[in-house]
């Protein structure tokens, strides 16, 4: 594991340490198929199922990270994203299947996981637009649309991470969340 320790913002350090895995995930088959407008409805339902397992599995650790940072709105926003996934899956006729929650992670590690999970809400907005070919309206893709407060929540998270300060545990948590996502991909 290559941890970044140079002097820069905590957000920049986390972005740098996760850059390779983050970029690789953008090129996975299902997300490439969405971007190219060729993923069919059944494949999209499978993507939502995988995302549900991921987010549900990290919900408690994200809650602990939000508590540490004094950002309880982030835990509420994550629960709302899980509810949006459930609604999207119901629209597509898919039943949510949970992944066992992660018991790993306290303190800065949990905040690092939260960084990765919350950051995905911003990327989801691009995927929301890419799904125009498959879904005519918001139904079935509310998870990717996100909420009107996503930008504000992201700014609050970044400010709280700066107050927390850099640490190897924070970086390890961010990487762990990316790696857990990668392991769920088909």
C-alpha atoms as a PDB file:
ATOM      1  CA  UNK A   1       0.000   0.000   0.000  1.00  0.00           C
ATOM      2  CA  UNK A   2       1.455   3.337  -1.066  1.00  0.00           C
ATOM      3  CA  UNK A   3       0.354   5.923   1.474  1.00  0.00           C
ATOM      4  CA  UNK A   4       0.750   9.617   0.684  1.00  0.00           C
ATOM      5  CA  UNK A   5       2.394  11.657   3.415  1.00  0.00           C
ATOM      6  CA  UNK A   6       3.421  14.865   1.649  1.00  0.00           C
ATOM      7  CA  UNK A   7       2.133  18.247   2.795  1.00  0.00           C
ATOM      8  CA  UNK A   8      -1.114  18.996   0.967  1.00  0.00           C
ATOM      9  CA  UNK A   9      -4.767  19.092   1.786  1.00  0.00           C
ATOM     10  CA  UNK A  10      -6.193  15.942   3.281  1.00  0.00           C
ATOM     11  CA  UNK A  11      -8.615  15.723   0.355  1.00  0.00           C
ATOM     12  CA  UNK A  12      -5.737  15.878  -2.136  1.00  0.00           C
ATOM     13  CA  UNK A  13      -3.880  13.173  -0.227  1.00  0.00           C
ATOM     14  CA  UNK A  14      -6.923  10.924  -0.260  1.00  0.00           C
ATOM     15  CA  UNK A  15      -7.500  11.587  -3.946  1.00  0.00           C
ATOM     16  CA  UNK A  16      -3.871  10.767  -4.731  1.00  0.00           C
ATOM     17  CA  UNK A  17      -3.763   7.553  -2.709  1.00  0.00           C
ATOM     18  CA  UNK A  18      -6.980   6.268  -4.311  1.00  0.00           C
ATOM     19  CA  UNK A  19      -6.410   7.571  -7.850  1.00  0.00           C
ATOM     20  CA  UNK A  20      -5.371   4.285  -9.475  1.00  0.00           C
ATOM     21  CA  UNK A  21      -8.213   2.167  -8.140  1.00  0.00           C
ATOM     22  CA  UNK A  22     -10.724   4.976  -8.688  1.00  0.00           C
ATOM     23  CA  UNK A  23      -9.746   5.311 -12.341  1.00  0.00           C
ATOM     24  CA  UNK A  24      -9.795   1.546 -12.866  1.00  0.00           C
ATOM     25  CA  UNK A  25     -13.357   1.341 -11.552  1.00  0.00           C
ATOM     26  CA  UNK A  26     -14.529   3.848 -14.174  1.00  0.00           C
ATOM     27  CA  UNK A  27     -13.490   1.396 -16.873  1.00  0.00           C
ATOM     28  CA  UNK A  28     -15.202  -1.715 -15.539  1.00  0.00           C
ATOM     29  CA  UNK A  29     -17.558  -3.406 -17.973  1.00  0.00           C
ATOM     30  CA  UNK A  30     -20.886  -2.387 -16.446  1.00  0.00           C
ATOM     31  CA  UNK A  31     -20.005   1.275 -15.994  1.00  0.00           C
ATOM     32  CA  UNK A  32     -18.428   1.439 -19.460  1.00  0.00           C
ATOM     33  CA  UNK A  33     -21.619  -0.122 -20.860  1.00  0.00           C
ATOM     34  CA  UNK A  34     -23.729   2.556 -19.159  1.00  0.00           C
ATOM     35  CA  UNK A  35     -21.485   5.320 -20.522  1.00  0.00           C
ATOM     36  CA  UNK A  36     -21.753   3.816 -24.026  1.00  0.00           C
ATOM     37  CA  UNK A  37     -25.518   3.350 -23.790  1.00  0.00           C
ATOM     38  CA  UNK A  38     -25.430  -0.425 -24.198  1.00  0.00           C
ATOM     39  CA  UNK A  39     -26.214  -1.848 -20.757  1.00  0.00           C
ATOM     40  CA  UNK A  40     -29.648  -3.412 -20.847  1.00  0.00           C
ATOM     41  CA  UNK A  41     -32.272  -3.302 -18.136  1.00  0.00           C
ATOM     42  CA  UNK A  42     -31.328  -6.654 -16.543  1.00  0.00           C
ATOM     43  CA  UNK A  43     -27.663  -5.653 -16.407  1.00  0.00           C
ATOM     44  CA  UNK A  44     -28.627  -2.328 -14.869  1.00  0.00           C
ATOM     45  CA  UNK A  45     -30.716  -4.119 -12.219  1.00  0.00           C
ATOM     46  CA  UNK A  46     -27.641  -6.216 -11.404  1.00  0.00           C
ATOM     47  CA  UNK A  47     -25.576  -3.025 -11.003  1.00  0.00           C
ATOM     48  CA  UNK A  48     -28.149  -1.650  -8.567  1.00  0.00           C
ATOM     49  CA  UNK A  49     -28.087  -4.908  -6.606  1.00  0.00           C
ATOM     50  CA  UNK A  50     -24.305  -4.712  -6.326  1.00  0.00           C
ATOM     51  CA  UNK A  51     -24.479  -1.063  -5.260  1.00  0.00           C
ATOM     52  CA  UNK A  52     -27.089  -1.907  -2.644  1.00  0.00           C
ATOM     53  CA  UNK A  53     -24.896  -4.623  -1.171  1.00  0.00           C
ATOM     54  CA  UNK A  54     -21.962  -2.203  -1.098  1.00  0.00           C
ATOM     55  CA  UNK A  55     -23.768   0.725   0.507  1.00  0.00           C
ATOM     56  CA  UNK A  56     -25.757  -1.385   2.939  1.00  0.00           C
ATOM     57  CA  UNK A  57     -22.572  -3.198   3.956  1.00  0.00           C
ATOM     58  CA  UNK A  58     -20.788   0.072   4.729  1.00  0.00           C
ATOM     59  CA  UNK A  59     -23.691   1.896   6.362  1.00  0.00           C
ATOM     60  CA  UNK A  60     -22.555   1.426   9.964  1.00  0.00           C
ATOM     61  CA  UNK A  61     -18.947   2.337   9.273  1.00  0.00           C
ATOM     62  CA  UNK A  62     -20.105   5.467   7.407  1.00  0.00           C
ATOM     63  CA  UNK A  63     -22.280   6.357  10.383  1.00  0.00           C
ATOM     64  CA  UNK A  64     -19.240   6.035  12.685  1.00  0.00           C
ATOM     65  CA  UNK A  65     -17.165   8.185  10.326  1.00  0.00           C
ATOM     66  CA  UNK A  66     -19.861  10.867  10.221  1.00  0.00           C
ATOM     67  CA  UNK A  67     -20.102  10.864  14.028  1.00  0.00           C
ATOM     68  CA  UNK A  68     -16.347  11.241  14.383  1.00  0.00           C
ATOM     69  CA  UNK A  69     -16.367  14.212  12.019  1.00  0.00           C
ATOM     70  CA  UNK A  70     -19.419  15.820  13.619  1.00  0.00           C
ATOM     71  CA  UNK A  71     -21.261  15.516  10.299  1.00  0.00           C
ATOM     72  CA  UNK A  72     -24.425  13.610  11.172  1.00  0.00           C
ATOM     73  CA  UNK A  73     -26.049  14.944   7.978  1.00  0.00           C
ATOM     74  CA  UNK A  74     -23.689  12.671   6.035  1.00  0.00           C
ATOM     75  CA  UNK A  75     -25.023   9.573   7.808  1.00  0.00           C
ATOM     76  CA  UNK A  76     -28.598  10.705   7.057  1.00  0.00           C
ATOM     77  CA  UNK A  77     -27.673  11.331   3.418  1.00  0.00           C
ATOM     78  CA  UNK A  78     -26.165   7.852   3.149  1.00  0.00           C
ATOM     79  CA  UNK A  79     -29.325   6.283   4.553  1.00  0.00           C
ATOM     80  CA  UNK A  80     -31.328   8.307   2.003  1.00  0.00           C
ATOM     81  CA  UNK A  81     -29.117   6.961  -0.804  1.00  0.00           C
ATOM     82  CA  UNK A  82     -29.777   3.408   0.376  1.00  0.00           C
ATOM     83  CA  UNK A  83     -33.525   4.143   0.397  1.00  0.00           C
ATOM     84  CA  UNK A  84     -33.228   5.520  -3.165  1.00  0.00           C
ATOM     85  CA  UNK A  85     -31.479   2.313  -4.217  1.00  0.00           C
ATOM     86  CA  UNK A  86     -34.291   0.277  -2.686  1.00  0.00           C
ATOM     87  CA  UNK A  87     -36.871   2.336  -4.587  1.00  0.00           C
ATOM     88  CA  UNK A  88     -34.937   2.014  -7.853  1.00  0.00           C
ATOM     89  CA  UNK A  89     -34.659  -1.738  -7.385  1.00  0.00           C
ATOM     90  CA  UNK A  90     -38.360  -2.039  -6.598  1.00  0.00           C
ATOM     91  CA  UNK A  91     -39.172  -0.118  -9.797  1.00  0.00           C
ATOM     92  CA  UNK A  92     -37.062  -2.599 -11.763  1.00  0.00           C
ATOM     93  CA  UNK A  93     -38.595  -5.589  -9.980  1.00  0.00           C
ATOM     94  CA  UNK A  94     -35.396  -6.531  -8.135  1.00  0.00           C
ATOM     95  CA  UNK A  95     -35.267  -7.581  -4.503  1.00  0.00           C
ATOM     96  CA  UNK A  96     -32.478  -6.078  -2.390  1.00  0.00           C
ATOM     97  CA  UNK A  97     -29.962  -8.571  -1.017  1.00  0.00           C
ATOM     98  CA  UNK A  98     -27.749  -7.246   1.719  1.00  0.00           C
ATOM     99  CA  UNK A  99     -24.086  -7.892   2.227  1.00  0.00           C
ATOM    100  CA  UNK A 100     -22.959  -8.489   5.771  1.00  0.00           C
ATOM    101  CA  UNK A 101     -22.096  -5.174   7.350  1.00  0.00           C
ATOM    102  CA  UNK A 102     -18.459  -4.369   7.823  1.00  0.00           C
ATOM    103  CA  UNK A 103     -17.439  -4.408  11.449  1.00  0.00           C
ATOM    104  CA  UNK A 104     -14.031  -3.110  10.483  1.00  0.00           C
ATOM    105  CA  UNK A 105     -13.170   0.441  11.178  1.00  0.00           C
ATOM    106  CA  UNK A 106     -13.341   3.045  13.832  1.00  0.00           C
ATOM    107  CA  UNK A 107     -11.999   6.554  14.047  1.00  0.00           C
ATOM    108  CA  UNK A 108     -10.078   7.946  11.096  1.00  0.00           C
ATOM    109  CA  UNK A 109     -10.425   4.648   9.200  1.00  0.00           C
ATOM    110  CA  UNK A 110     -14.229   5.056   9.250  1.00  0.00           C
ATOM    111  CA  UNK A 111     -13.882   8.679   8.110  1.00  0.00           C
ATOM    112  CA  UNK A 112     -11.755   7.481   5.187  1.00  0.00           C
ATOM    113  CA  UNK A 113     -14.474   5.024   4.176  1.00  0.00           C
ATOM    114  CA  UNK A 114     -17.019   7.828   4.380  1.00  0.00           C
ATOM    115  CA  UNK A 115     -14.853   9.955   2.057  1.00  0.00           C
ATOM    116  CA  UNK A 116     -15.018   7.270  -0.637  1.00  0.00           C
ATOM    117  CA  UNK A 117     -18.718   6.535  -0.194  1.00  0.00           C
ATOM    118  CA  UNK A 118     -19.776  10.186  -0.127  1.00  0.00           C
ATOM    119  CA  UNK A 119     -17.573  11.015  -3.097  1.00  0.00           C
ATOM    120  CA  UNK A 120     -19.502   8.486  -5.151  1.00  0.00           C
ATOM    121  CA  UNK A 121     -22.599  10.690  -4.888  1.00  0.00           C
ATOM    122  CA  UNK A 122     -20.893  13.283  -7.075  1.00  0.00           C
ATOM    123  CA  UNK A 123     -19.889  10.784  -9.754  1.00  0.00           C
ATOM    124  CA  UNK A 124     -23.376   9.349  -9.693  1.00  0.00           C
ATOM    125  CA  UNK A 125     -24.776  12.535 -11.181  1.00  0.00           C
ATOM    126  CA  UNK A 126     -22.894  11.845 -14.411  1.00  0.00           C
ATOM    127  CA  UNK A 127     -24.199   8.268 -14.504  1.00  0.00           C
ATOM    128  CA  UNK A 128     -27.728   9.626 -13.959  1.00  0.00           C
ATOM    129  CA  UNK A 129     -27.444  11.571 -17.225  1.00  0.00           C
ATOM    130  CA  UNK A 130     -25.895   8.608 -19.032  1.00  0.00           C
ATOM    131  CA  UNK A 131     -28.979   6.518 -18.245  1.00  0.00           C
ATOM    132  CA  UNK A 132     -31.270   8.667 -20.411  1.00  0.00           C
ATOM    133  CA  UNK A 133     -31.148   5.979 -23.102  1.00  0.00           C
ATOM    134  CA  UNK A 134     -32.483   3.323 -20.719  1.00  0.00           C
ATOM    135  CA  UNK A 135     -34.925   5.115 -18.422  1.00  0.00           C
ATOM    136  CA  UNK A 136     -37.231   7.917 -19.596  1.00  0.00           C
ATOM    137  CA  UNK A 137     -37.525   9.682 -16.247  1.00  0.00           C
ATOM    138  CA  UNK A 138     -36.146   9.591 -12.698  1.00  0.00           C
ATOM    139  CA  UNK A 139     -37.818   6.286 -11.824  1.00  0.00           C
ATOM    140  CA  UNK A 140     -35.199   3.583 -11.516  1.00  0.00           C
ATOM    141  CA  UNK A 141     -32.295   5.996 -11.228  1.00  0.00           C
ATOM    142  CA  UNK A 142     -33.008   8.216  -8.216  1.00  0.00           C
ATOM    143  CA  UNK A 143     -29.902   6.817  -6.505  1.00  0.00           C
ATOM    144  CA  UNK A 144     -27.665   8.291  -9.181  1.00  0.00           C
ATOM    145  CA  UNK A 145     -29.537  11.603  -9.262  1.00  0.00           C
ATOM    146  CA  UNK A 146     -28.680  12.135  -5.625  1.00  0.00           C
ATOM    147  CA  UNK A 147     -29.923  15.057  -3.603  1.00  0.00           C
ATOM    148  CA  UNK A 148     -29.821  18.797  -3.883  1.00  0.00           C
ATOM    149  CA  UNK A 149     -27.494  19.021  -0.891  1.00  0.00           C
ATOM    150  CA  UNK A 150     -24.762  16.714  -2.237  1.00  0.00           C
ATOM    151  CA  UNK A 151     -22.359  19.557  -3.027  1.00  0.00           C
ATOM    152  CA  UNK A 152     -22.830  21.174   0.382  1.00  0.00           C
ATOM    153  CA  UNK A 153     -22.404  17.835   2.122  1.00  0.00           C
ATOM    154  CA  UNK A 154     -19.199  17.157   0.181  1.00  0.00           C
ATOM    155  CA  UNK A 155     -17.796  20.559   1.147  1.00  0.00           C
ATOM    156  CA  UNK A 156     -18.679  19.904   4.786  1.00  0.00           C
ATOM    157  CA  UNK A 157     -16.986  16.509   4.652  1.00  0.00           C
ATOM    158  CA  UNK A 158     -13.823  17.967   3.139  1.00  0.00           C
ATOM    159  CA  UNK A 159     -13.691  20.736   5.758  1.00  0.00           C
ATOM    160  CA  UNK A 160     -14.178  18.196   8.554  1.00  0.00           C
ATOM    161  CA  UNK A 161     -11.408  15.996   7.121  1.00  0.00           C
ATOM    162  CA  UNK A 162      -9.053  18.983   7.152  1.00  0.00           C
ATOM    163  CA  UNK A 163      -9.878  19.580  10.811  1.00  0.00           C
ATOM    164  CA  UNK A 164      -9.243  15.901  11.545  1.00  0.00           C
ATOM    165  CA  UNK A 165      -5.904  16.047   9.769  1.00  0.00           C
ATOM    166  CA  UNK A 166      -4.030  13.471   7.712  1.00  0.00           C
ATOM    167  CA  UNK A 167      -3.317   9.984   8.952  1.00  0.00           C
ATOM    168  CA  UNK A 168      -2.446   6.583   7.548  1.00  0.00           C
ATOM    169  CA  UNK A 169      -5.725   5.226   8.999  1.00  0.00           C
ATOM    170  CA  UNK A 170      -7.730   7.775   7.011  1.00  0.00           C
ATOM    171  CA  UNK A 171      -5.981   6.767   3.797  1.00  0.00           C
ATOM    172  CA  UNK A 172      -6.368   3.065   4.593  1.00  0.00           C
ATOM    173  CA  UNK A 173     -10.115   3.562   5.144  1.00  0.00           C
ATOM    174  CA  UNK A 174     -10.545   5.314   1.797  1.00  0.00           C
ATOM    175  CA  UNK A 175      -8.662   2.515   0.035  1.00  0.00           C
ATOM    176  CA  UNK A 176     -10.606  -0.154   1.915  1.00  0.00           C
ATOM    177  CA  UNK A 177     -13.922   1.292   0.689  1.00  0.00           C
ATOM    178  CA  UNK A 178     -12.693   1.323  -2.924  1.00  0.00           C
ATOM    179  CA  UNK A 179     -11.315  -2.218  -2.636  1.00  0.00           C
ATOM    180  CA  UNK A 180     -14.556  -3.497  -1.111  1.00  0.00           C
ATOM    181  CA  UNK A 181     -16.444  -2.008  -4.072  1.00  0.00           C
ATOM    182  CA  UNK A 182     -14.017  -3.584  -6.526  1.00  0.00           C
ATOM    183  CA  UNK A 183     -14.499  -7.020  -4.940  1.00  0.00           C
ATOM    184  CA  UNK A 184     -18.270  -6.815  -5.485  1.00  0.00           C
ATOM    185  CA  UNK A 185     -17.943  -6.170  -9.216  1.00  0.00           C
ATOM    186  CA  UNK A 186     -18.708  -9.081 -11.530  1.00  0.00           C
END
